[in-house]
Amino acid sequence: PALSFTGPRNYATGLTPQSVAIGDLNGDGKPDLATASVTWGTVSVFLN
């Protein structure tokens, strides 16, 4: 079928997130997201 996407659903991260990675971080079979914040020196994890 024709390719289409929803508009973005946004989530707040640490300041200046430089990259995003995908993986099942809590073992529930659903892929989660992780970002890195340059300014704060932190990683943020978003569980699915």
PDB file of all heavy atoms in Angstrom:
ATOM      1  N   PRO A   1       0.822  -1.204   0.000  1.00  0.00           N
ATOM      2  CA  PRO A   1       0.000   0.000   0.000  1.00  0.00           C
ATOM      3  C   PRO A   1       0.856   1.254   0.000  1.00  0.00           C
ATOM      4  O   PRO A   1       2.062   1.201   0.237  1.00  0.00           O
ATOM      5  CB  PRO A   1      -0.782  -0.116   1.317  1.00  0.00           C
ATOM      6  CG  PRO A   1       0.121  -0.936   2.196  1.00  0.00           C
ATOM      7  CD  PRO A   1       0.820  -1.897   1.279  1.00  0.00           C
ATOM      8  N   ALA A   2       0.206   2.377  -0.295  1.00  0.00           N
ATOM      9  CA  ALA A   2       0.913   3.656  -0.262  1.00  0.00           C
ATOM     10  C   ALA A   2       1.468   3.892   1.137  1.00  0.00           C
ATOM     11  O   ALA A   2       0.808   3.610   2.143  1.00  0.00           O
ATOM     12  CB  ALA A   2      -0.036   4.786  -0.649  1.00  0.00           C
ATOM     13  N   LEU A   3       2.704   4.383   1.195  1.00  0.00           N
ATOM     14  CA  LEU A   3       3.369   4.615   2.474  1.00  0.00           C
ATOM     15  C   LEU A   3       2.811   5.861   3.142  1.00  0.00           C
ATOM     16  O   LEU A   3       2.709   6.920   2.509  1.00  0.00           O
ATOM     17  CB  LEU A   3       4.869   4.762   2.240  1.00  0.00           C
ATOM     18  CG  LEU A   3       5.747   4.894   3.480  1.00  0.00           C
ATOM     19  CD1 LEU A   3       5.687   3.625   4.315  1.00  0.00           C
ATOM     20  CD2 LEU A   3       7.180   5.191   3.063  1.00  0.00           C
ATOM     21  N   SER A   4       2.467   5.754   4.416  1.00  0.00           N
ATOM     22  CA  SER A   4       1.982   6.921   5.151  1.00  0.00           C
ATOM     23  C   SER A   4       2.330   6.757   6.619  1.00  0.00           C
ATOM     24  O   SER A   4       2.542   5.649   7.120  1.00  0.00           O
ATOM     25  CB  SER A   4       0.463   7.091   4.987  1.00  0.00           C
ATOM     26  OG  SER A   4      -0.233   5.973   5.504  1.00  0.00           O
ATOM     27  N   PHE A   5       2.391   7.898   7.325  1.00  0.00           N
ATOM     28  CA  PHE A   5       2.715   7.927   8.747  1.00  0.00           C
ATOM     29  C   PHE A   5       1.791   8.904   9.457  1.00  0.00           C
ATOM     30  O   PHE A   5       1.328   9.892   8.877  1.00  0.00           O
ATOM     31  CB  PHE A   5       4.164   8.378   8.970  1.00  0.00           C
ATOM     32  CG  PHE A   5       5.192   7.396   8.501  1.00  0.00           C
ATOM     33  CD1 PHE A   5       5.653   7.426   7.202  1.00  0.00           C
ATOM     34  CD2 PHE A   5       5.685   6.426   9.363  1.00  0.00           C
ATOM     35  CE1 PHE A   5       6.596   6.519   6.759  1.00  0.00           C
ATOM     36  CE2 PHE A   5       6.628   5.518   8.935  1.00  0.00           C
ATOM     37  CZ  PHE A   5       7.082   5.557   7.621  1.00  0.00           C
ATOM     38  N   THR A   6       1.546   8.637  10.736  1.00  0.00           N
ATOM     39  CA  THR A   6       0.890   9.632  11.562  1.00  0.00           C
ATOM     40  C   THR A   6       1.823  10.824  11.749  1.00  0.00           C
ATOM     41  O   THR A   6       3.033  10.715  11.551  1.00  0.00           O
ATOM     42  CB  THR A   6       0.562   9.065  12.950  1.00  0.00           C
ATOM     43  OG1 THR A   6       1.788   8.687  13.604  1.00  0.00           O
ATOM     44  CG2 THR A   6      -0.345   7.856  12.863  1.00  0.00           C
ATOM     45  N   GLY A   7       1.255  11.947  12.136  1.00  0.00           N
ATOM     46  CA  GLY A   7       2.089  13.044  12.590  1.00  0.00           C
ATOM     47  C   GLY A   7       2.825  12.634  13.848  1.00  0.00           C
ATOM     48  O   GLY A   7       2.441  11.669  14.527  1.00  0.00           O
ATOM     49  N   PRO A   8       3.918  13.322  14.190  1.00  0.00           N
ATOM     50  CA  PRO A   8       4.737  12.868  15.318  1.00  0.00           C
ATOM     51  C   PRO A   8       4.017  12.984  16.652  1.00  0.00           C
ATOM     52  O   PRO A   8       3.343  13.976  16.924  1.00  0.00           O
ATOM     53  CB  PRO A   8       5.945  13.809  15.265  1.00  0.00           C
ATOM     54  CG  PRO A   8       5.442  15.032  14.573  1.00  0.00           C
ATOM     55  CD  PRO A   8       4.431  14.552  13.580  1.00  0.00           C
ATOM     56  N   ARG A   9       4.162  11.940  17.472  1.00  0.00           N
ATOM     57  CA  ARG A   9       3.758  11.995  18.880  1.00  0.00           C
ATOM     58  C   ARG A   9       5.018  12.316  19.660  1.00  0.00           C
ATOM     59  O   ARG A   9       5.998  11.580  19.603  1.00  0.00           O
ATOM     60  CB  ARG A   9       3.163  10.655  19.312  1.00  0.00           C
ATOM     61  CG  ARG A   9       2.664  10.627  20.741  1.00  0.00           C
ATOM     62  CD  ARG A   9       2.055   9.285  21.063  1.00  0.00           C
ATOM     63  NE  ARG A   9       0.885   9.015  20.242  1.00  0.00           N
ATOM     64  CZ  ARG A   9       0.248   7.845  20.226  1.00  0.00           C
ATOM     65  NH1 ARG A   9       0.677   6.845  20.970  1.00  0.00           N
ATOM     66  NH2 ARG A   9      -0.803   7.668  19.455  1.00  0.00           N
ATOM     67  N   ASN A  10       5.026  13.435  20.358  1.00  0.00           N
ATOM     68  CA  ASN A  10       6.256  13.962  20.952  1.00  0.00           C
ATOM     69  C   ASN A  10       6.357  13.654  22.441  1.00  0.00           C
ATOM     70  O   ASN A  10       5.355  13.651  23.169  1.00  0.00           O
ATOM     71  CB  ASN A  10       6.345  15.476  20.732  1.00  0.00           C
ATOM     72  CG  ASN A  10       6.501  15.821  19.259  1.00  0.00           C
ATOM     73  OD1 ASN A  10       7.291  15.199  18.554  1.00  0.00           O
ATOM     74  ND2 ASN A  10       5.744  16.807  18.791  1.00  0.00           N
ATOM     75  N   TYR A  11       7.602  13.435  22.890  1.00  0.00           N
ATOM     76  CA  TYR A  11       7.914  13.162  24.289  1.00  0.00           C
ATOM     77  C   TYR A  11       9.110  14.029  24.689  1.00  0.00           C
ATOM     78  O   TYR A  11      10.078  14.144  23.936  1.00  0.00           O
ATOM     79  CB  TYR A  11       8.260  11.689  24.494  1.00  0.00           C
ATOM     80  CG  TYR A  11       7.146  10.745  24.103  1.00  0.00           C
ATOM     81  CD1 TYR A  11       7.041  10.275  22.789  1.00  0.00           C
ATOM     82  CD2 TYR A  11       6.196  10.337  25.030  1.00  0.00           C
ATOM     83  CE1 TYR A  11       6.018   9.416  22.419  1.00  0.00           C
ATOM     84  CE2 TYR A  11       5.167   9.478  24.670  1.00  0.00           C
ATOM     85  CZ  TYR A  11       5.081   9.020  23.362  1.00  0.00           C
ATOM     86  OH  TYR A  11       4.053   8.169  22.983  1.00  0.00           O
ATOM     87  N   ALA A  12       9.031  14.622  25.887  1.00  0.00           N
ATOM     88  CA  ALA A  12      10.126  15.462  26.360  1.00  0.00           C
ATOM     89  C   ALA A  12      11.325  14.607  26.723  1.00  0.00           C
ATOM     90  O   ALA A  12      11.197  13.554  27.360  1.00  0.00           O
ATOM     91  CB  ALA A  12       9.680  16.277  27.574  1.00  0.00           C
ATOM     92  N   THR A  13      12.520  15.073  26.327  1.00  0.00           N
ATOM     93  CA  THR A  13      13.775  14.391  26.630  1.00  0.00           C
ATOM     94  C   THR A  13      14.650  15.305  27.476  1.00  0.00           C
ATOM     95  O   THR A  13      14.255  16.421  27.812  1.00  0.00           O
ATOM     96  CB  THR A  13      14.530  14.059  25.334  1.00  0.00           C
ATOM     97  OG1 THR A  13      14.945  15.286  24.713  1.00  0.00           O
ATOM     98  CG2 THR A  13      13.666  13.284  24.364  1.00  0.00           C
ATOM     99  N   GLY A  14      15.861  14.850  27.777  1.00  0.00           N
ATOM    100  CA  GLY A  14      16.863  15.758  28.296  1.00  0.00           C
ATOM    101  C   GLY A  14      17.231  16.787  27.228  1.00  0.00           C
ATOM    102  O   GLY A  14      16.934  16.615  26.043  1.00  0.00           O
ATOM    103  N   LEU A  15      17.905  17.847  27.634  1.00  0.00           N
ATOM    104  CA  LEU A  15      18.216  18.940  26.717  1.00  0.00           C
ATOM    105  C   LEU A  15      19.241  18.497  25.683  1.00  0.00           C
ATOM    106  O   LEU A  15      20.225  17.837  25.997  1.00  0.00           O
ATOM    107  CB  LEU A  15      18.744  20.129  27.515  1.00  0.00           C
ATOM    108  CG  LEU A  15      18.870  21.454  26.760  1.00  0.00           C
ATOM    109  CD1 LEU A  15      17.526  21.907  26.215  1.00  0.00           C
ATOM    110  CD2 LEU A  15      19.442  22.525  27.695  1.00  0.00           C
ATOM    111  N   THR A  16      18.989  18.872  24.425  1.00  0.00           N
ATOM    112  CA  THR A  16      19.823  18.557  23.256  1.00  0.00           C
ATOM    113  C   THR A  16      20.072  17.062  23.088  1.00  0.00           C
ATOM    114  O   THR A  16      21.194  16.591  23.198  1.00  0.00           O
ATOM    115  CB  THR A  16      21.167  19.322  23.273  1.00  0.00           C
ATOM    116  OG1 THR A  16      21.877  19.045  24.485  1.00  0.00           O
ATOM    117  CG2 THR A  16      20.969  20.803  23.135  1.00  0.00           C
ATOM    118  N   PRO A  17      19.014  16.317  22.805  1.00  0.00           N
ATOM    119  CA  PRO A  17      19.195  14.883  22.541  1.00  0.00           C
ATOM    120  C   PRO A  17      19.881  14.681  21.192  1.00  0.00           C
ATOM    121  O   PRO A  17      19.430  15.189  20.167  1.00  0.00           O
ATOM    122  CB  PRO A  17      17.757  14.352  22.515  1.00  0.00           C
ATOM    123  CG  PRO A  17      16.938  15.523  22.072  1.00  0.00           C
ATOM    124  CD  PRO A  17      17.610  16.736  22.660  1.00  0.00           C
ATOM    125  N   GLN A  18      20.982  13.940  21.202  1.00  0.00           N
ATOM    126  CA  GLN A  18      21.792  13.805  20.005  1.00  0.00           C
ATOM    127  C   GLN A  18      21.516  12.553  19.204  1.00  0.00           C
ATOM    128  O   GLN A  18      21.844  12.498  18.030  1.00  0.00           O
ATOM    129  CB  GLN A  18      23.281  13.817  20.392  1.00  0.00           C
ATOM    130  CG  GLN A  18      23.744  15.094  21.057  1.00  0.00           C
ATOM    131  CD  GLN A  18      23.443  16.322  20.226  1.00  0.00           C
ATOM    132  OE1 GLN A  18      23.991  16.517  19.160  1.00  0.00           O
ATOM    133  NE2 GLN A  18      22.544  17.141  20.712  1.00  0.00           N
ATOM    134  N   SER A  19      20.980  11.521  19.813  1.00  0.00           N
ATOM    135  CA  SER A  19      20.718  10.290  19.071  1.00  0.00           C
ATOM    136  C   SER A  19      19.620   9.505  19.749  1.00  0.00           C
ATOM    137  O   SER A  19      19.258   9.770  20.903  1.00  0.00           O
ATOM    138  CB  SER A  19      21.996   9.451  18.947  1.00  0.00           C
ATOM    139  OG  SER A  19      22.391   8.937  20.191  1.00  0.00           O
ATOM    140  N   VAL A  20      19.091   8.535  19.023  1.00  0.00           N
ATOM    141  CA  VAL A  20      18.029   7.680  19.539  1.00  0.00           C
ATOM    142  C   VAL A  20      18.338   6.240  19.133  1.00  0.00           C
ATOM    143  O   VAL A  20      18.862   5.989  18.042  1.00  0.00           O
ATOM    144  CB  VAL A  20      16.645   8.127  19.012  1.00  0.00           C
ATOM    145  CG1 VAL A  20      16.588   8.131  17.492  1.00  0.00           C
ATOM    146  CG2 VAL A  20      15.528   7.262  19.586  1.00  0.00           C
ATOM    147  N   ALA A  21      18.060   5.308  20.033  1.00  0.00           N
ATOM    148  CA  ALA A  21      18.262   3.886  19.766  1.00  0.00           C
ATOM    149  C   ALA A  21      17.020   3.118  20.197  1.00  0.00           C
ATOM    150  O   ALA A  21      16.261   3.563  21.070  1.00  0.00           O
ATOM    151  CB  ALA A  21      19.492   3.362  20.500  1.00  0.00           C
ATOM    152  N   ILE A  22      16.813   1.963  19.587  1.00  0.00           N
ATOM    153  CA  ILE A  22      15.623   1.141  19.807  1.00  0.00           C
ATOM    154  C   ILE A  22      16.043  -0.234  20.318  1.00  0.00           C
ATOM    155  O   ILE A  22      16.952  -0.863  19.762  1.00  0.00           O
ATOM    156  CB  ILE A  22      14.812   0.997  18.506  1.00  0.00           C
ATOM    157  CG1 ILE A  22      14.324   2.369  18.017  1.00  0.00           C
ATOM    158  CG2 ILE A  22      13.631   0.056  18.713  1.00  0.00           C
ATOM    159  CD1 ILE A  22      13.617   2.326  16.670  1.00  0.00           C
ATOM    160  N   GLY A  23      15.391  -0.729  21.376  1.00  0.00           N
ATOM    161  CA  GLY A  23      15.645  -2.068  21.901  1.00  0.00           C
ATOM    162  C   GLY A  23      14.682  -2.378  23.037  1.00  0.00           C
ATOM    163  O   GLY A  23      14.139  -1.463  23.664  1.00  0.00           O
ATOM    164  N   ASP A  24      14.475  -3.659  23.310  1.00  0.00           N
ATOM    165  CA  ASP A  24      13.580  -4.069  24.399  1.00  0.00           C
ATOM    166  C   ASP A  24      14.361  -4.022  25.710  1.00  0.00           C
ATOM    167  O   ASP A  24      15.047  -4.976  26.081  1.00  0.00           O
ATOM    168  CB  ASP A  24      13.051  -5.473  24.133  1.00  0.00           C
ATOM    169  CG  ASP A  24      12.110  -5.957  25.228  1.00  0.00           C
ATOM    170  OD1 ASP A  24      11.772  -5.160  26.122  1.00  0.00           O
ATOM    171  OD2 ASP A  24      11.738  -7.147  25.190  1.00  0.00           O
ATOM    172  N   LEU A  25      14.228  -2.927  26.431  1.00  0.00           N
ATOM    173  CA  LEU A  25      15.060  -2.683  27.604  1.00  0.00           C
ATOM    174  C   LEU A  25      14.499  -3.275  28.893  1.00  0.00           C
ATOM    175  O   LEU A  25      15.228  -3.402  29.872  1.00  0.00           O
ATOM    176  CB  LEU A  25      15.283  -1.181  27.766  1.00  0.00           C
ATOM    177  CG  LEU A  25      16.077  -0.526  26.622  1.00  0.00           C
ATOM    178  CD1 LEU A  25      16.087   0.986  26.768  1.00  0.00           C
ATOM    179  CD2 LEU A  25      17.496  -1.073  26.572  1.00  0.00           C
ATOM    180  N   ASN A  26      13.216  -3.632  28.923  1.00  0.00           N
ATOM    181  CA  ASN A  26      12.651  -4.202  30.157  1.00  0.00           C
ATOM    182  C   ASN A  26      12.126  -5.616  29.965  1.00  0.00           C
ATOM    183  O   ASN A  26      11.470  -6.153  30.853  1.00  0.00           O
ATOM    184  CB  ASN A  26      11.556  -3.300  30.730  1.00  0.00           C
ATOM    185  CG  ASN A  26      10.377  -3.137  29.774  1.00  0.00           C
ATOM    186  OD1 ASN A  26      10.462  -3.508  28.603  1.00  0.00           O
ATOM    187  ND2 ASN A  26       9.287  -2.580  30.277  1.00  0.00           N
ATOM    188  N   GLY A  27      12.422  -6.234  28.831  1.00  0.00           N
ATOM    189  CA  GLY A  27      12.119  -7.639  28.636  1.00  0.00           C
ATOM    190  C   GLY A  27      10.667  -7.994  28.486  1.00  0.00           C
ATOM    191  O   GLY A  27      10.288  -9.161  28.709  1.00  0.00           O
ATOM    192  N   ASP A  28       9.822  -7.058  28.065  1.00  0.00           N
ATOM    193  CA  ASP A  28       8.401  -7.353  27.910  1.00  0.00           C
ATOM    194  C   ASP A  28       8.014  -7.646  26.466  1.00  0.00           C
ATOM    195  O   ASP A  28       6.829  -7.777  26.150  1.00  0.00           O
ATOM    196  CB  ASP A  28       7.547  -6.209  28.465  1.00  0.00           C
ATOM    197  CG  ASP A  28       7.715  -4.909  27.696  1.00  0.00           C
ATOM    198  OD1 ASP A  28       8.574  -4.848  26.776  1.00  0.00           O
ATOM    199  OD2 ASP A  28       7.002  -3.930  28.006  1.00  0.00           O
ATOM    200  N   GLY A  29       9.011  -7.733  25.592  1.00  0.00           N
ATOM    201  CA  GLY A  29       8.737  -8.044  24.197  1.00  0.00           C
ATOM    202  C   GLY A  29       8.363  -6.864  23.343  1.00  0.00           C
ATOM    203  O   GLY A  29       8.110  -7.031  22.145  1.00  0.00           O
ATOM    204  N   LYS A  30       8.353  -5.667  23.921  1.00  0.00           N
ATOM    205  CA  LYS A  30       8.025  -4.461  23.161  1.00  0.00           C
ATOM    206  C   LYS A  30       9.263  -3.575  23.064  1.00  0.00           C
ATOM    207  O   LYS A  30       9.941  -3.349  24.080  1.00  0.00           O
ATOM    208  CB  LYS A  30       6.875  -3.698  23.826  1.00  0.00           C
ATOM    209  CG  LYS A  30       5.569  -4.478  23.891  1.00  0.00           C
ATOM    210  CD  LYS A  30       4.419  -3.629  24.348  1.00  0.00           C
ATOM    211  CE  LYS A  30       4.489  -3.242  25.807  1.00  0.00           C
ATOM    212  NZ  LYS A  30       4.133  -4.323  26.711  1.00  0.00           N
ATOM    213  N   PRO A  31       9.568  -3.055  21.885  1.00  0.00           N
ATOM    214  CA  PRO A  31      10.764  -2.216  21.741  1.00  0.00           C
ATOM    215  C   PRO A  31      10.602  -0.875  22.440  1.00  0.00           C
ATOM    216  O   PRO A  31       9.585  -0.198  22.299  1.00  0.00           O
ATOM    217  CB  PRO A  31      10.906  -2.039  20.225  1.00  0.00           C
ATOM    218  CG  PRO A  31       9.548  -2.300  19.678  1.00  0.00           C
ATOM    219  CD  PRO A  31       8.892  -3.282  20.589  1.00  0.00           C
ATOM    220  N   ASP A  32      11.628  -0.517  23.193  1.00  0.00           N
ATOM    221  CA  ASP A  32      11.668   0.752  23.909  1.00  0.00           C
ATOM    222  C   ASP A  32      12.630   1.703  23.197  1.00  0.00           C
ATOM    223  O   ASP A  32      13.297   1.340  22.226  1.00  0.00           O
ATOM    224  CB  ASP A  32      12.116   0.500  25.350  1.00  0.00           C
ATOM    225  CG  ASP A  32      11.283  -0.589  26.019  1.00  0.00           C
ATOM    226  OD1 ASP A  32      10.057  -0.442  26.057  1.00  0.00           O
ATOM    227  OD2 ASP A  32      11.875  -1.593  26.474  1.00  0.00           O
ATOM    228  N   LEU A  33      12.705   2.938  23.686  1.00  0.00           N
ATOM    229  CA  LEU A  33      13.536   3.969  23.085  1.00  0.00           C
ATOM    230  C   LEU A  33      14.499   4.534  24.122  1.00  0.00           C
ATOM    231  O   LEU A  33      14.155   4.645  25.301  1.00  0.00           O
ATOM    232  CB  LEU A  33      12.667   5.104  22.530  1.00  0.00           C
ATOM    233  CG  LEU A  33      11.637   4.699  21.466  1.00  0.00           C
ATOM    234  CD1 LEU A  33      10.694   5.856  21.173  1.00  0.00           C
ATOM    235  CD2 LEU A  33      12.330   4.255  20.193  1.00  0.00           C
ATOM    236  N   ALA A  34      15.692   4.906  23.663  1.00  0.00           N
ATOM    237  CA  ALA A  34      16.665   5.562  24.544  1.00  0.00           C
ATOM    238  C   ALA A  34      17.290   6.719  23.786  1.00  0.00           C
ATOM    239  O   ALA A  34      17.617   6.595  22.595  1.00  0.00           O
ATOM    240  CB  ALA A  34      17.746   4.588  24.998  1.00  0.00           C
ATOM    241  N   THR A  35      17.440   7.855  24.467  1.00  0.00           N
ATOM    242  CA  THR A  35      18.075   9.030  23.888  1.00  0.00           C
ATOM    243  C   THR A  35      19.187   9.513  24.811  1.00  0.00           C
ATOM    244  O   THR A  35      19.201   9.200  25.997  1.00  0.00           O
ATOM    245  CB  THR A  35      17.068  10.181  23.675  1.00  0.00           C
ATOM    246  OG1 THR A  35      16.603  10.650  24.958  1.00  0.00           O
ATOM    247  CG2 THR A  35      15.877   9.732  22.848  1.00  0.00           C
ATOM    248  N   ALA A  36      20.101  10.291  24.236  1.00  0.00           N
ATOM    249  CA  ALA A  36      21.217  10.847  25.013  1.00  0.00           C
ATOM    250  C   ALA A  36      21.146  12.363  24.978  1.00  0.00           C
ATOM    251  O   ALA A  36      20.937  12.960  23.914  1.00  0.00           O
ATOM    252  CB  ALA A  36      22.547  10.366  24.433  1.00  0.00           C
ATOM    253  N   SER A  37      21.326  12.994  26.129  1.00  0.00           N
ATOM    254  CA  SER A  37      21.283  14.453  26.257  1.00  0.00           C
ATOM    255  C   SER A  37      22.694  14.999  26.407  1.00  0.00           C
ATOM    256  O   SER A  37      23.348  14.782  27.436  1.00  0.00           O
ATOM    257  CB  SER A  37      20.438  14.860  27.471  1.00  0.00           C
ATOM    258  OG  SER A  37      20.668  16.218  27.812  1.00  0.00           O
ATOM    259  N   VAL A  38      23.151  15.722  25.395  1.00  0.00           N
ATOM    260  CA  VAL A  38      24.505  16.283  25.429  1.00  0.00           C
ATOM    261  C   VAL A  38      24.678  17.257  26.581  1.00  0.00           C
ATOM    262  O   VAL A  38      25.648  17.209  27.337  1.00  0.00           O
ATOM    263  CB  VAL A  38      24.826  16.978  24.096  1.00  0.00           C
ATOM    264  CG1 VAL A  38      26.117  17.769  24.209  1.00  0.00           C
ATOM    265  CG2 VAL A  38      24.973  15.962  22.980  1.00  0.00           C
ATOM    266  N   THR A  39      23.738  18.163  26.737  1.00  0.00           N
ATOM    267  CA  THR A  39      23.884  19.242  27.717  1.00  0.00           C
ATOM    268  C   THR A  39      23.816  18.725  29.150  1.00  0.00           C
ATOM    269  O   THR A  39      24.600  19.134  30.007  1.00  0.00           O
ATOM    270  CB  THR A  39      22.814  20.311  27.488  1.00  0.00           C
ATOM    271  OG1 THR A  39      22.930  20.808  26.154  1.00  0.00           O
ATOM    272  CG2 THR A  39      22.975  21.464  28.462  1.00  0.00           C
ATOM    273  N   TRP A  40      22.890  17.820  29.415  1.00  0.00           N
ATOM    274  CA  TRP A  40      22.707  17.341  30.779  1.00  0.00           C
ATOM    275  C   TRP A  40      23.617  16.176  31.130  1.00  0.00           C
ATOM    276  O   TRP A  40      23.763  15.848  32.316  1.00  0.00           O
ATOM    277  CB  TRP A  40      21.249  16.919  30.996  1.00  0.00           C
ATOM    278  CG  TRP A  40      20.285  18.064  31.024  1.00  0.00           C
ATOM    279  CD1 TRP A  40      20.588  19.400  30.949  1.00  0.00           C
ATOM    280  CD2 TRP A  40      18.867  17.984  31.141  1.00  0.00           C
ATOM    281  NE1 TRP A  40      19.446  20.157  31.001  1.00  0.00           N
ATOM    282  CE2 TRP A  40      18.366  19.316  31.120  1.00  0.00           C
ATOM    283  CE3 TRP A  40      17.961  16.938  31.246  1.00  0.00           C
ATOM    284  CZ2 TRP A  40      17.008  19.599  31.205  1.00  0.00           C
ATOM    285  CZ3 TRP A  40      16.609  17.221  31.326  1.00  0.00           C
ATOM    286  CH2 TRP A  40      16.145  18.534  31.318  1.00  0.00           C
ATOM    287  N   GLY A  41      24.225  15.525  30.155  1.00  0.00           N
ATOM    288  CA  GLY A  41      25.048  14.354  30.445  1.00  0.00           C
ATOM    289  C   GLY A  41      24.233  13.208  31.006  1.00  0.00           C
ATOM    290  O   GLY A  41      24.609  12.585  32.004  1.00  0.00           O
ATOM    291  N   THR A  42      23.104  12.912  30.350  1.00  0.00           N
ATOM    292  CA  THR A  42      22.196  11.867  30.817  1.00  0.00           C
ATOM    293  C   THR A  42      21.664  11.062  29.633  1.00  0.00           C
ATOM    294  O   THR A  42      21.725  11.505  28.485  1.00  0.00           O
ATOM    295  CB  THR A  42      20.989  12.455  31.562  1.00  0.00           C
ATOM    296  OG1 THR A  42      20.300  13.375  30.702  1.00  0.00           O
ATOM    297  CG2 THR A  42      21.419  13.174  32.833  1.00  0.00           C
ATOM    298  N   VAL A  43      21.116   9.887  29.952  1.00  0.00           N
ATOM    299  CA  VAL A  43      20.309   9.160  28.985  1.00  0.00           C
ATOM    300  C   VAL A  43      18.884   9.091  29.517  1.00  0.00           C
ATOM    301  O   VAL A  43      18.657   8.985  30.724  1.00  0.00           O
ATOM    302  CB  VAL A  43      20.854   7.740  28.710  1.00  0.00           C
ATOM    303  CG1 VAL A  43      22.197   7.809  28.025  1.00  0.00           C
ATOM    304  CG2 VAL A  43      20.936   6.908  29.976  1.00  0.00           C
ATOM    305  N   SER A  44      17.934   9.179  28.592  1.00  0.00           N
ATOM    306  CA  SER A  44      16.518   9.042  28.926  1.00  0.00           C
ATOM    307  C   SER A  44      15.998   7.777  28.277  1.00  0.00           C
ATOM    308  O   SER A  44      16.243   7.531  27.085  1.00  0.00           O
ATOM    309  CB  SER A  44      15.718  10.244  28.409  1.00  0.00           C
ATOM    310  OG  SER A  44      16.163  11.451  28.989  1.00  0.00           O
ATOM    311  N   VAL A  45      15.281   6.964  29.047  1.00  0.00           N
ATOM    312  CA  VAL A  45      14.691   5.728  28.551  1.00  0.00           C
ATOM    313  C   VAL A  45      13.182   5.883  28.531  1.00  0.00           C
ATOM    314  O   VAL A  45      12.576   6.357  29.500  1.00  0.00           O
ATOM    315  CB  VAL A  45      15.114   4.530  29.424  1.00  0.00           C
ATOM    316  CG1 VAL A  45      14.284   3.294  29.110  1.00  0.00           C
ATOM    317  CG2 VAL A  45      16.596   4.243  29.239  1.00  0.00           C
ATOM    318  N   PHE A  46      12.587   5.465  27.427  1.00  0.00           N
ATOM    319  CA  PHE A  46      11.141   5.539  27.246  1.00  0.00           C
ATOM    320  C   PHE A  46      10.624   4.119  27.046  1.00  0.00           C
ATOM    321  O   PHE A  46      10.886   3.487  26.021  1.00  0.00           O
ATOM    322  CB  PHE A  46      10.796   6.412  26.037  1.00  0.00           C
ATOM    323  CG  PHE A  46      11.232   7.841  26.188  1.00  0.00           C
ATOM    324  CD1 PHE A  46      12.540   8.207  25.924  1.00  0.00           C
ATOM    325  CD2 PHE A  46      10.344   8.814  26.623  1.00  0.00           C
ATOM    326  CE1 PHE A  46      12.954   9.518  26.073  1.00  0.00           C
ATOM    327  CE2 PHE A  46      10.748  10.121  26.780  1.00  0.00           C
ATOM    328  CZ  PHE A  46      12.057  10.481  26.515  1.00  0.00           C
ATOM    329  N   LEU A  47       9.910   3.608  28.042  1.00  0.00           N
ATOM    330  CA  LEU A  47       9.389   2.249  27.986  1.00  0.00           C
ATOM    331  C   LEU A  47       8.065   2.223  27.222  1.00  0.00           C
ATOM    332  O   LEU A  47       7.209   3.101  27.392  1.00  0.00           O
ATOM    333  CB  LEU A  47       9.195   1.694  29.396  1.00  0.00           C
ATOM    334  CG  LEU A  47      10.479   1.535  30.222  1.00  0.00           C
ATOM    335  CD1 LEU A  47      10.149   0.987  31.605  1.00  0.00           C
ATOM    336  CD2 LEU A  47      11.492   0.633  29.514  1.00  0.00           C
ATOM    337  N   ASN A  48       7.925   1.208  26.380  1.00  0.00           N
ATOM    338  CA  ASN A  48       6.770   1.073  25.502  1.00  0.00           C
ATOM    339  C   ASN A  48       5.569   0.569  26.291  1.00  0.00           C
ATOM    340  O   ASN A  48       5.617  -0.510  26.881  1.00  0.00           O
ATOM    341  CB  ASN A  48       7.139   0.100  24.372  1.00  0.00           C
ATOM    342  CG  ASN A  48       6.189   0.156  23.200  1.00  0.00           C
ATOM    343  OD1 ASN A  48       5.002   0.391  23.356  1.00  0.00           O
ATOM    344  ND2 ASN A  48       6.737  -0.091  22.018  1.00  0.00           N
TER     345      ASN A  48
END
